[in-house]
Amino acid sequence: MALFTPGRRWQPPFYPFKKEKFGKRLLRKIERWVKGPLFGCRMCGNCLLQETAFICPMECPKGMRNGPCGGSTPEKCYVDETRPCIWYRIYKRAHKMGREEMLMEVLPPLDWDRVGTETWGDVVRSIRNYGTIKLIRSRFARDKVKKEIAWESVFRPVRQPGWWQGDSLYHPPAYDEPVSELERQLRSGKFVVTTEVSPPLSTATGKLKRDIEMVKDHVTAINFTDSSSANPRMSSIACSKVAAELNADPVFQIAARDKTRTGLQSEIVGVNEMGIRNVLCITGDNARIGPSPTSNTNILDMDAVQMLWILRKMRDEGKYLDGREMKHPPELFLGAAASPFASEPEYQALREHKKVNAGAQFFQTNMIFEIDRLNVWLEHLCKRDILDKVYILAGVTPIRSHRMAQYLHSTVPGITLPEKILSEFEKTDKSDQEKLGIDIALGIIESLKNIKEINGIHIMAVGWESVVPGIIADSGLKK
């Protein structure tokens, strides 16, 4: 266990990809010997300790460098239950130290050419560029602003390389006209209804097309999950293409779990050519909750915040991550997942704020079962002054059975059901449980319609698409 990183279980450090000169090897070993015992340093090559309250974010099994995933809880990490959620600890310490706003900066993904190398040399070179004497004088200055400017002048170039240049500011879209039907209706102020259609398990698309035809006249857009729960199915790209050909407005969901930076950028250019404009960026469920044999659970190449940052710059600046310019940038309406109940609402709001700054224009929330807790989360979003910068689609799920209720409550990260709903299903006869699930969903929708900060609902039927038209009609939201 490292001295300054709470609950940390030792993990081996990374090693450099290529051989280095003796001086760099020596400096790397000294840095590892010092920062290893103190912080459990894994030698990522881009140290972020000052921005993360001096707790190393590389403790996270997913390697999340911009905040927790949607499955975070105060008690434990859902990927490895023997350790705490390190981002919950980072938020907690940052709050005590008054450093919360330092967590708002969009931090870069790893440069794998630098992973395993030292960072101290970069700091020394940055000090020289700024001026060693100038920096020393600034440390003794009484003006706090001058101190901060000097400190930032040295450390910002280290943590924000030229190919990234992340910040903590809001970046509004650099276009005027809506690029999709979903964006057009949200801008018009309508209470929007979207839904999910489950991708098929095989190459057959008959049921997929029938489900799309069944719901498309009742909803504004249709979402297709990207291997939800790390279970492989037909890709979201293929399903979105089918929907576009049937004149439905698809929401292309893309999970960082299965993507590299190269794959993300090339896929976005490709789906835009297919007429797909709505893109939902998620980090994705870890392979640990998927089927055996377990696939790679190592650190992700990027997280959802970094995906949003990359795609926003492609759209608004017409540039790839490597700086190449695009003559015809993609047209994108960018979305992200939101988890109001994953941990403390105050911490979740900070995470959501960061996604908005990175480029999120709409949120699809996790399943909502407790309106009071949702309102607390919305209050924290309001305090952060972002409700006028993002549209919120609240997730609603009709629960089909007591078994499904128990599964959602105990297995799916970031979701808990109130005891009242669990006991209702337990007391209800099996033949009446489907009706009970629909009635509960209708009651939640009725409450959501009266919350002005909610711009619509997202119905997640989880393979029960046949009830979607009926729920929409009974809730008075027929298109």
Protein backbone atom coordinates (compact mmCIF):
# COMPACT_ATOMS: atom_id res chain seq x y z
CA MET A 1 0.00 0.00 0.00
CA ALA A 2 1.36 3.41 -0.96
CA LEU A 3 1.78 6.06 1.71
CA PHE A 4 -0.38 8.81 0.19
CA THR A 5 -2.85 6.81 -1.93
CA PRO A 6 -5.68 5.44 0.27
CA GLY A 7 -6.70 1.84 -0.12
CA ARG A 8 -4.13 1.26 -2.84
CA ARG A 9 -3.12 -2.26 -3.65
CA TRP A 10 0.27 -2.45 -5.28
CA GLN A 11 0.30 -2.87 -9.04
CA PRO A 12 3.43 -3.34 -11.13
CA PRO A 13 4.81 -0.31 -12.97
CA PHE A 14 4.85 0.03 -16.73
CA TYR A 15 8.10 -0.45 -18.60
CA PRO A 16 9.25 1.64 -21.56
CA PHE A 17 8.50 0.42 -25.05
CA LYS A 18 12.02 1.03 -26.31
CA LYS A 19 15.53 1.18 -24.92
CA GLU A 20 16.62 4.53 -23.47
CA LYS A 21 19.91 6.23 -22.74
CA PHE A 22 21.62 5.52 -19.42
CA GLY A 23 20.75 8.94 -17.96
CA LYS A 24 17.03 8.53 -18.65
CA ARG A 25 17.05 4.97 -17.31
CA LEU A 26 18.70 6.16 -14.10
CA LEU A 27 16.25 9.05 -13.68
CA ARG A 28 13.33 6.67 -14.33
CA LYS A 29 14.54 4.32 -11.59
CA ILE A 30 14.99 7.15 -9.09
CA GLU A 31 11.49 8.50 -9.88
CA ARG A 32 10.01 5.03 -9.47
CA TRP A 33 11.84 4.43 -6.15
CA VAL A 34 10.52 7.73 -4.77
CA LYS A 35 6.99 7.88 -6.19
CA GLY A 36 6.34 4.13 -5.95
CA PRO A 37 6.28 3.91 -2.13
CA LEU A 38 4.64 7.34 -1.78
CA PHE A 39 1.93 7.16 -4.43
CA GLY A 40 2.02 3.65 -5.89
CA CYS A 41 3.30 5.23 -9.12
CA ARG A 42 2.94 3.02 -12.20
CA MET A 43 5.18 5.23 -14.37
CA CYS A 44 2.47 6.24 -16.85
CA GLY A 45 4.71 8.91 -18.37
CA ASN A 46 2.17 11.70 -17.81
CA CYS A 47 1.91 12.35 -14.06
CA LEU A 48 -1.37 13.97 -12.95
CA LEU A 49 -0.92 13.89 -9.16
CA GLN A 50 -1.28 17.65 -8.72
CA GLU A 51 -4.61 17.64 -10.57
CA THR A 52 -6.03 14.59 -8.74
CA ALA A 53 -5.46 15.63 -5.11
CA PHE A 54 -2.19 13.67 -4.95
CA ILE A 55 -3.96 10.34 -5.43
CA CYS A 56 -2.83 8.43 -8.50
CA PRO A 57 -5.77 7.80 -10.89
CA MET A 58 -3.89 4.86 -12.39
CA GLU A 59 -5.18 2.87 -9.42
CA CYS A 60 -8.43 2.61 -11.41
CA PRO A 61 -8.52 -0.77 -13.21
CA LYS A 62 -10.03 0.99 -16.24
CA GLY A 63 -7.35 3.68 -16.14
CA MET A 64 -9.96 6.44 -15.95
CA ARG A 65 -8.06 9.74 -15.99
CA ASN A 66 -11.01 12.18 -16.02
CA GLY A 67 -13.30 10.90 -13.31
CA PRO A 68 -15.19 7.75 -12.30
CA CYS A 69 -17.15 5.44 -14.55
CA GLY A 70 -20.93 5.06 -14.34
CA GLY A 71 -20.57 2.02 -12.09
CA SER A 72 -18.71 3.82 -9.31
CA THR A 73 -19.88 3.47 -5.71
CA PRO A 74 -18.54 4.94 -2.45
CA GLU A 75 -17.81 1.45 -1.11
CA LYS A 76 -15.89 -0.40 -3.81
CA CYS A 77 -14.78 -0.70 -7.40
CA TYR A 78 -17.18 -2.89 -9.38
CA VAL A 79 -14.35 -4.26 -11.54
CA ASP A 80 -12.27 -5.35 -8.55
CA GLU A 81 -14.28 -5.45 -5.34
CA THR A 82 -11.15 -5.85 -3.20
CA ARG A 83 -10.30 -2.16 -3.69
CA PRO A 84 -12.20 1.12 -3.30
CA CYS A 85 -13.26 3.32 -6.20
CA ILE A 86 -10.16 5.48 -6.37
CA TRP A 87 -12.03 8.35 -8.04
CA TYR A 88 -14.47 8.51 -5.16
CA ARG A 89 -11.44 8.94 -2.89
CA ILE A 90 -9.98 11.59 -5.22
CA TYR A 91 -13.23 13.59 -5.15
CA LYS A 92 -13.47 13.27 -1.38
CA ARG A 93 -9.91 14.49 -0.77
CA ALA A 94 -10.16 17.25 -3.41
CA HIS A 95 -13.34 18.49 -1.69
CA LYS A 96 -11.56 18.63 1.68
CA MET A 97 -8.56 20.41 0.17
CA GLY A 98 -10.68 22.89 -1.78
CA ARG A 99 -9.25 21.59 -5.07
CA GLU A 100 -12.46 20.37 -6.72
CA GLU A 101 -12.25 22.78 -9.63
CA MET A 102 -8.80 21.43 -10.52
CA LEU A 103 -10.59 18.20 -11.48
CA MET A 104 -12.47 20.03 -14.25
CA GLU A 105 -9.53 20.13 -16.66
CA VAL A 106 -9.90 17.62 -19.52
CA LEU A 107 -6.79 15.48 -19.15
CA PRO A 108 -5.18 13.59 -22.03
CA PRO A 109 -5.08 9.86 -22.64
CA LEU A 110 -1.76 8.09 -22.30
CA ASP A 111 0.89 8.56 -24.94
CA TRP A 112 1.96 4.92 -25.16
CA ASP A 113 5.31 5.92 -26.62
CA ARG A 114 6.02 7.60 -23.26
CA VAL A 115 4.44 5.03 -20.94
CA GLY A 116 7.08 3.59 -18.61
CA THR A 117 9.37 6.62 -18.95
CA GLU A 118 10.12 9.33 -16.40
CA THR A 119 8.30 12.67 -16.01
CA TRP A 120 10.83 14.55 -13.91
CA GLY A 121 13.00 15.30 -16.93
CA ASP A 122 10.04 17.00 -18.61
CA VAL A 123 9.51 19.13 -15.50
CA VAL A 124 13.19 20.16 -15.43
CA ARG A 125 13.09 21.11 -19.11
CA SER A 126 9.89 23.09 -18.58
CA ILE A 127 11.49 24.97 -15.65
CA ARG A 128 14.46 25.86 -17.83
CA ASN A 129 12.16 27.14 -20.57
CA TYR A 130 10.30 29.32 -18.08
CA GLY A 131 13.46 30.44 -16.26
CA THR A 132 14.78 28.81 -13.10
CA ILE A 133 15.51 32.09 -11.28
CA LYS A 134 12.16 33.50 -12.39
CA LEU A 135 10.35 30.49 -10.93
CA ILE A 136 12.25 30.66 -7.62
CA ARG A 137 11.41 34.34 -7.24
CA SER A 138 7.74 33.68 -7.95
CA ARG A 139 7.59 31.19 -5.06
CA PHE A 140 8.51 33.98 -2.63
CA ALA A 141 6.14 36.54 -4.17
CA ARG A 142 3.21 37.75 -2.10
CA ASP A 143 0.90 37.92 -5.11
CA LYS A 144 -0.95 34.60 -5.26
CA VAL A 145 -1.96 35.18 -8.87
CA LYS A 146 1.68 35.53 -9.95
CA LYS A 147 2.53 32.35 -8.05
CA GLU A 148 -0.23 30.45 -9.81
CA ILE A 149 0.73 31.78 -13.26
CA ALA A 150 4.35 30.73 -12.73
CA TRP A 151 3.32 27.29 -11.48
CA GLU A 152 0.98 26.76 -14.44
CA SER A 153 3.61 27.95 -16.89
CA VAL A 154 5.86 25.13 -15.72
CA PHE A 155 3.43 22.26 -15.19
CA ARG A 156 0.76 22.81 -17.83
CA PRO A 157 3.09 21.95 -20.76
CA VAL A 158 3.97 18.73 -18.93
CA ARG A 159 0.41 17.51 -18.33
CA GLN A 160 -1.12 19.01 -21.51
CA PRO A 161 1.04 18.04 -24.52
CA GLY A 162 0.70 19.99 -27.75
CA TRP A 163 -1.40 17.28 -29.41
CA TRP A 164 -4.08 17.55 -26.69
CA GLN A 165 -4.30 21.00 -25.03
CA GLY A 166 -7.22 20.23 -22.75
CA ASP A 167 -8.79 22.88 -20.53
CA SER A 168 -11.63 23.40 -18.04
CA LEU A 169 -13.78 25.68 -20.21
CA TYR A 170 -17.14 25.15 -21.90
CA HIS A 171 -16.91 24.94 -25.70
CA PRO A 172 -20.28 25.62 -27.40
CA PRO A 173 -20.90 23.95 -30.78
CA ALA A 174 -19.42 25.87 -33.71
CA TYR A 175 -22.49 25.44 -35.94
CA ASP A 176 -25.98 26.91 -36.00
CA GLU A 177 -28.46 24.60 -37.74
CA PRO A 178 -29.39 21.26 -36.12
CA VAL A 179 -27.75 18.27 -37.78
CA SER A 180 -30.34 15.61 -36.84
CA GLU A 181 -34.05 15.25 -36.12
CA LEU A 182 -33.26 14.57 -32.46
CA GLU A 183 -31.35 17.82 -32.13
CA ARG A 184 -34.02 19.75 -34.05
CA GLN A 185 -36.83 18.60 -31.73
CA LEU A 186 -34.81 19.18 -28.57
CA ARG A 187 -33.98 22.71 -29.73
CA SER A 188 -37.66 23.36 -30.45
CA GLY A 189 -38.50 22.70 -26.79
CA LYS A 190 -40.55 19.55 -27.33
CA PHE A 191 -40.62 16.84 -24.67
CA VAL A 192 -38.78 14.20 -26.68
CA VAL A 193 -39.16 10.41 -26.51
CA THR A 194 -36.35 8.09 -27.62
CA THR A 195 -35.95 4.37 -27.17
CA GLU A 196 -33.54 1.49 -27.54
CA VAL A 197 -33.87 -1.47 -29.87
CA SER A 198 -31.72 -4.44 -28.91
CA PRO A 199 -29.18 -5.44 -31.58
CA PRO A 200 -29.62 -9.03 -32.78
CA LEU A 201 -27.40 -11.88 -31.65
CA SER A 202 -26.84 -13.09 -35.22
CA THR A 203 -26.63 -11.78 -38.78
CA ALA A 204 -30.41 -12.00 -39.25
CA THR A 205 -31.99 -8.54 -39.35
CA GLY A 206 -35.67 -9.46 -39.76
CA LYS A 207 -36.67 -8.84 -36.13
CA LEU A 208 -34.43 -5.76 -35.95
CA LYS A 209 -36.22 -4.19 -38.92
CA ARG A 210 -39.66 -5.12 -37.56
CA ASP A 211 -38.81 -3.55 -34.17
CA ILE A 212 -37.53 -0.38 -35.83
CA GLU A 213 -40.68 -0.12 -37.98
CA MET A 214 -42.84 -0.74 -34.89
CA VAL A 215 -41.38 2.09 -32.79
CA LYS A 216 -40.08 4.67 -35.29
CA ASP A 217 -43.40 6.52 -35.68
CA HIS A 218 -43.71 6.84 -31.89
CA VAL A 219 -40.23 8.16 -31.05
CA THR A 220 -37.82 10.82 -32.27
CA ALA A 221 -34.68 8.66 -32.30
CA ILE A 222 -33.64 5.05 -31.74
CA ASN A 223 -30.54 4.06 -29.78
CA PHE A 224 -28.54 0.90 -30.46
CA THR A 225 -26.27 -0.30 -27.66
CA ASP A 226 -22.63 -1.17 -28.27
CA SER A 227 -22.25 -4.66 -26.80
CA SER A 228 -24.04 -3.80 -23.56
CA SER A 229 -22.71 -5.62 -20.45
CA ALA A 230 -19.69 -6.61 -22.58
CA ASN A 231 -21.84 -9.18 -24.42
CA PRO A 232 -21.10 -9.24 -28.17
CA ARG A 233 -24.02 -8.56 -30.51
CA MET A 234 -24.50 -6.97 -33.92
CA SER A 235 -22.54 -3.72 -33.97
CA SER A 236 -24.17 -0.39 -33.27
CA ILE A 237 -22.88 0.83 -36.64
CA ALA A 238 -24.72 -1.89 -38.56
CA CYS A 239 -27.96 -1.36 -36.61
CA SER A 240 -27.76 2.42 -37.06
CA LYS A 241 -27.28 1.98 -40.80
CA VAL A 242 -30.37 -0.26 -40.99
CA ALA A 243 -32.37 2.36 -39.05
CA ALA A 244 -31.20 5.18 -41.32
CA GLU A 245 -32.26 3.17 -44.38
CA LEU A 246 -35.72 2.80 -42.79
CA ASN A 247 -35.95 6.60 -42.34
CA ALA A 248 -35.48 6.49 -38.57
CA ASP A 249 -33.07 8.80 -36.75
CA PRO A 250 -30.44 6.52 -35.15
CA VAL A 251 -28.30 7.22 -32.10
CA PHE A 252 -24.96 5.52 -32.67
CA GLN A 253 -23.59 4.35 -29.34
CA ILE A 254 -19.83 3.86 -29.14
CA ALA A 255 -18.04 2.31 -26.15
CA ALA A 256 -14.44 3.18 -25.34
CA ARG A 257 -13.97 -0.34 -23.99
CA ASP A 258 -13.51 -1.75 -27.50
CA LYS A 259 -12.00 1.24 -29.29
CA THR A 260 -8.64 2.87 -29.87
CA ARG A 261 -8.18 6.51 -30.83
CA THR A 262 -7.54 5.46 -34.42
CA GLY A 263 -10.67 3.31 -34.55
CA LEU A 264 -12.84 6.03 -33.02
CA GLN A 265 -11.88 8.70 -35.53
CA SER A 266 -12.14 6.44 -38.59
CA GLU A 267 -15.52 5.04 -37.51
CA ILE A 268 -16.98 8.51 -36.99
CA VAL A 269 -15.96 9.60 -40.47
CA GLY A 270 -17.51 6.39 -41.81
CA VAL A 271 -20.85 6.63 -39.99
CA ASN A 272 -21.24 10.24 -41.06
CA GLU A 273 -21.10 9.11 -44.67
CA MET A 274 -24.01 6.76 -43.83
CA GLY A 275 -26.11 9.72 -42.65
CA ILE A 276 -25.67 9.00 -38.93
CA ARG A 277 -25.33 12.21 -36.91
CA ASN A 278 -26.24 11.37 -33.29
CA VAL A 279 -23.32 9.83 -31.38
CA LEU A 280 -23.49 8.67 -27.75
CA CYS A 281 -20.04 8.33 -26.15
CA ILE A 282 -19.77 5.91 -23.23
CA THR A 283 -16.84 4.31 -21.45
CA GLY A 284 -18.61 0.94 -21.52
CA ASP A 285 -19.11 -1.93 -19.07
CA ASN A 286 -15.90 -3.67 -18.13
CA ALA A 287 -15.25 -7.12 -19.57
CA ARG A 288 -15.35 -8.50 -16.00
CA ILE A 289 -19.16 -8.49 -16.08
CA GLY A 290 -19.25 -10.04 -19.55
CA PRO A 291 -19.18 -13.70 -20.57
CA SER A 292 -16.25 -16.05 -20.11
CA PRO A 293 -13.54 -16.28 -21.21
CA THR A 294 -12.91 -12.70 -20.06
CA SER A 295 -11.45 -10.39 -22.69
CA ASN A 296 -8.84 -7.71 -22.07
CA THR A 297 -9.51 -5.78 -18.85
CA ASN A 298 -6.38 -3.66 -19.09
CA ILE A 299 -6.40 0.13 -19.14
CA LEU A 300 -8.66 1.72 -21.75
CA ASP A 301 -7.05 3.67 -24.57
CA MET A 302 -9.42 6.58 -23.75
CA ASP A 303 -12.45 7.34 -21.60
CA ALA A 304 -15.80 8.93 -22.51
CA VAL A 305 -14.61 12.47 -21.70
CA GLN A 306 -11.60 12.06 -23.98
CA MET A 307 -13.83 10.63 -26.73
CA LEU A 308 -16.05 13.72 -26.55
CA TRP A 309 -13.02 16.02 -26.67
CA ILE A 310 -11.61 14.27 -29.75
CA LEU A 311 -14.94 14.26 -31.63
CA ARG A 312 -15.78 17.87 -30.75
CA LYS A 313 -12.45 19.04 -32.15
CA MET A 314 -12.95 16.95 -35.29
CA ARG A 315 -16.36 18.57 -35.80
CA ASP A 316 -15.64 22.17 -34.78
CA GLU A 317 -11.98 22.54 -35.77
CA GLY A 318 -11.82 20.01 -38.59
CA LYS A 319 -8.75 18.31 -37.18
CA TYR A 320 -7.74 14.77 -36.37
CA LEU A 321 -6.01 14.13 -33.05
CA ASP A 322 -2.62 14.12 -34.81
CA GLY A 323 -3.28 17.62 -36.22
CA ARG A 324 -4.16 16.71 -39.81
CA GLU A 325 -6.85 18.96 -41.22
CA MET A 326 -10.11 17.70 -42.73
CA LYS A 327 -11.66 19.41 -45.76
CA HIS A 328 -15.10 18.10 -44.81
CA PRO A 329 -15.47 17.65 -41.01
CA PRO A 330 -18.18 15.33 -39.66
CA GLU A 331 -21.58 16.68 -38.58
CA LEU A 332 -22.24 15.42 -35.06
CA PHE A 333 -24.77 15.82 -32.27
CA LEU A 334 -22.74 14.53 -29.32
CA GLY A 335 -24.21 12.78 -26.31
CA ALA A 336 -23.00 11.06 -23.16
CA ALA A 337 -24.33 8.80 -20.45
CA ALA A 338 -25.14 10.22 -17.02
CA SER A 339 -25.42 8.25 -13.77
CA PRO A 340 -27.33 10.33 -11.21
CA PHE A 341 -27.19 7.63 -8.51
CA ALA A 342 -23.74 6.05 -8.95
CA SER A 343 -22.16 7.91 -6.02
CA GLU A 344 -22.63 11.24 -4.23
CA PRO A 345 -24.80 13.58 -6.39
CA GLU A 346 -22.29 16.40 -5.89
CA TYR A 347 -19.48 14.27 -7.31
CA GLN A 348 -21.60 12.97 -10.18
CA ALA A 349 -22.55 16.54 -11.11
CA LEU A 350 -18.87 17.45 -11.33
CA ARG A 351 -18.32 14.50 -13.65
CA GLU A 352 -21.30 15.49 -15.82
CA HIS A 353 -20.05 19.10 -15.92
CA LYS A 354 -16.74 17.87 -17.27
CA LYS A 355 -18.51 15.94 -20.03
CA VAL A 356 -20.46 19.05 -21.04
CA ASN A 357 -17.24 21.06 -21.20
CA ALA A 358 -15.65 18.33 -23.31
CA GLY A 359 -18.48 18.43 -25.85
CA ALA A 360 -21.63 16.60 -24.62
CA GLN A 361 -24.81 18.24 -25.94
CA PHE A 362 -27.29 15.74 -24.53
CA PHE A 363 -27.37 13.18 -21.73
CA GLN A 364 -29.09 9.82 -21.59
CA THR A 365 -29.32 8.96 -17.91
CA ASN A 366 -29.18 5.57 -16.33
CA MET A 367 -32.47 3.97 -15.26
CA ILE A 368 -34.52 6.29 -13.01
CA PHE A 369 -36.54 4.75 -10.20
CA GLU A 370 -36.34 7.46 -7.50
CA ILE A 371 -37.54 10.93 -8.46
CA ASP A 372 -36.46 12.54 -5.18
CA ARG A 373 -32.85 11.45 -5.69
CA LEU A 374 -33.00 12.61 -9.31
CA ASN A 375 -34.05 16.07 -8.14
CA VAL A 376 -31.05 16.26 -5.80
CA TRP A 377 -28.74 15.46 -8.74
CA LEU A 378 -30.47 18.13 -10.86
CA GLU A 379 -29.99 20.68 -8.08
CA HIS A 380 -26.25 20.04 -8.15
CA LEU A 381 -26.21 20.40 -11.95
CA CYS A 382 -28.03 23.70 -11.50
CA LYS A 383 -25.39 24.89 -9.02
CA ARG A 384 -22.76 24.17 -11.66
CA ASP A 385 -24.73 26.28 -14.18
CA ILE A 386 -24.86 23.68 -16.95
CA LEU A 387 -28.57 22.91 -17.30
CA ASP A 388 -28.88 25.43 -20.12
CA LYS A 389 -25.96 23.84 -21.96
CA VAL A 390 -27.18 20.23 -22.20
CA TYR A 391 -30.43 18.37 -22.89
CA ILE A 392 -31.36 15.60 -20.45
CA LEU A 393 -33.21 12.44 -21.50
CA ALA A 394 -34.19 10.49 -18.38
CA GLY A 395 -33.89 6.72 -18.62
CA VAL A 396 -37.07 4.71 -17.99
CA THR A 397 -37.23 0.91 -17.94
CA PRO A 398 -40.37 -1.25 -17.72
CA ILE A 399 -39.34 -4.12 -15.45
CA ARG A 400 -40.69 -7.40 -16.72
CA SER A 401 -40.33 -9.65 -13.67
CA HIS A 402 -39.12 -9.98 -10.11
CA ARG A 403 -36.05 -11.80 -11.42
CA MET A 404 -35.20 -8.87 -13.71
CA ALA A 405 -35.66 -6.43 -10.82
CA GLN A 406 -33.24 -8.42 -8.67
CA TYR A 407 -30.74 -8.65 -11.54
CA LEU A 408 -30.78 -4.89 -12.15
CA HIS A 409 -30.45 -4.15 -8.45
CA SER A 410 -27.60 -6.55 -7.65
CA THR A 411 -25.65 -6.94 -10.91
CA VAL A 412 -25.81 -3.86 -13.15
CA PRO A 413 -23.23 -1.21 -12.11
CA GLY A 414 -24.68 2.18 -11.16
CA ILE A 415 -28.28 0.95 -10.71
CA THR A 416 -30.14 0.39 -7.45
CA LEU A 417 -33.87 -0.19 -7.00
CA PRO A 418 -35.74 1.15 -3.98
CA GLU A 419 -36.93 -1.43 -1.49
CA LYS A 420 -40.55 -0.50 -2.21
CA ILE A 421 -40.32 -1.62 -5.86
CA LEU A 422 -38.44 -4.82 -4.98
CA SER A 423 -41.06 -5.77 -2.36
CA GLU A 424 -43.93 -5.00 -4.77
CA PHE A 425 -42.53 -7.45 -7.30
CA GLU A 426 -41.91 -10.02 -4.60
CA LYS A 427 -45.55 -9.85 -3.46
CA THR A 428 -47.05 -9.82 -6.97
CA ASP A 429 -48.02 -13.01 -8.77
CA LYS A 430 -45.80 -13.90 -11.76
CA SER A 431 -48.68 -13.48 -14.21
CA ASP A 432 -49.18 -9.87 -13.08
CA GLN A 433 -45.55 -8.77 -12.86
CA GLU A 434 -45.38 -7.46 -16.44
CA LYS A 435 -48.38 -5.20 -15.80
CA LEU A 436 -46.81 -4.02 -12.54
CA GLY A 437 -43.58 -3.12 -14.37
CA ILE A 438 -45.47 -1.09 -16.97
CA ASP A 439 -47.53 0.72 -14.31
CA ILE A 440 -44.37 1.66 -12.40
CA ALA A 441 -42.78 2.97 -15.62
CA LEU A 442 -45.89 5.05 -16.40
CA GLY A 443 -45.83 6.55 -12.91
CA ILE A 444 -42.16 7.51 -13.30
CA ILE A 445 -42.84 9.07 -16.72
CA GLU A 446 -45.69 11.14 -15.28
CA SER A 447 -43.35 12.52 -12.61
CA LEU A 448 -40.60 13.24 -15.14
CA LYS A 449 -42.99 15.21 -17.37
CA ASN A 450 -43.41 17.73 -14.55
CA ILE A 451 -39.68 18.39 -14.08
CA LYS A 452 -38.74 21.36 -16.24
CA GLU A 453 -35.04 20.43 -16.36
CA ILE A 454 -35.89 17.10 -18.03
CA ASN A 455 -36.16 17.46 -21.81
CA GLY A 456 -37.48 14.01 -22.59
CA ILE A 457 -37.37 10.33 -21.74
CA HIS A 458 -35.31 7.46 -23.06
CA ILE A 459 -37.18 4.14 -22.84
CA MET A 460 -34.86 1.17 -22.30
CA ALA A 461 -37.09 -1.83 -22.90
CA VAL A 462 -34.20 -4.36 -22.68
CA GLY A 463 -35.53 -6.67 -25.39
CA TRP A 464 -39.21 -5.91 -24.65
CA GLU A 465 -39.73 -3.48 -27.53
CA SER A 466 -43.33 -4.55 -28.09
CA VAL A 467 -44.50 -2.53 -25.06
CA VAL A 468 -42.90 0.75 -26.17
CA PRO A 469 -45.79 2.04 -28.36
CA GLY A 470 -48.30 1.24 -25.62
CA ILE A 471 -46.28 2.99 -22.91
CA ILE A 472 -45.94 6.09 -25.08
CA ALA A 473 -49.66 6.15 -25.86
CA ASP A 474 -50.70 5.58 -22.22
CA SER A 475 -48.34 8.28 -20.98
CA GLY A 476 -49.88 10.87 -23.31
CA LEU A 477 -46.63 11.37 -25.23
CA LYS A 478 -47.76 10.00 -28.58
CA LYS A 479 -45.77 11.66 -31.37
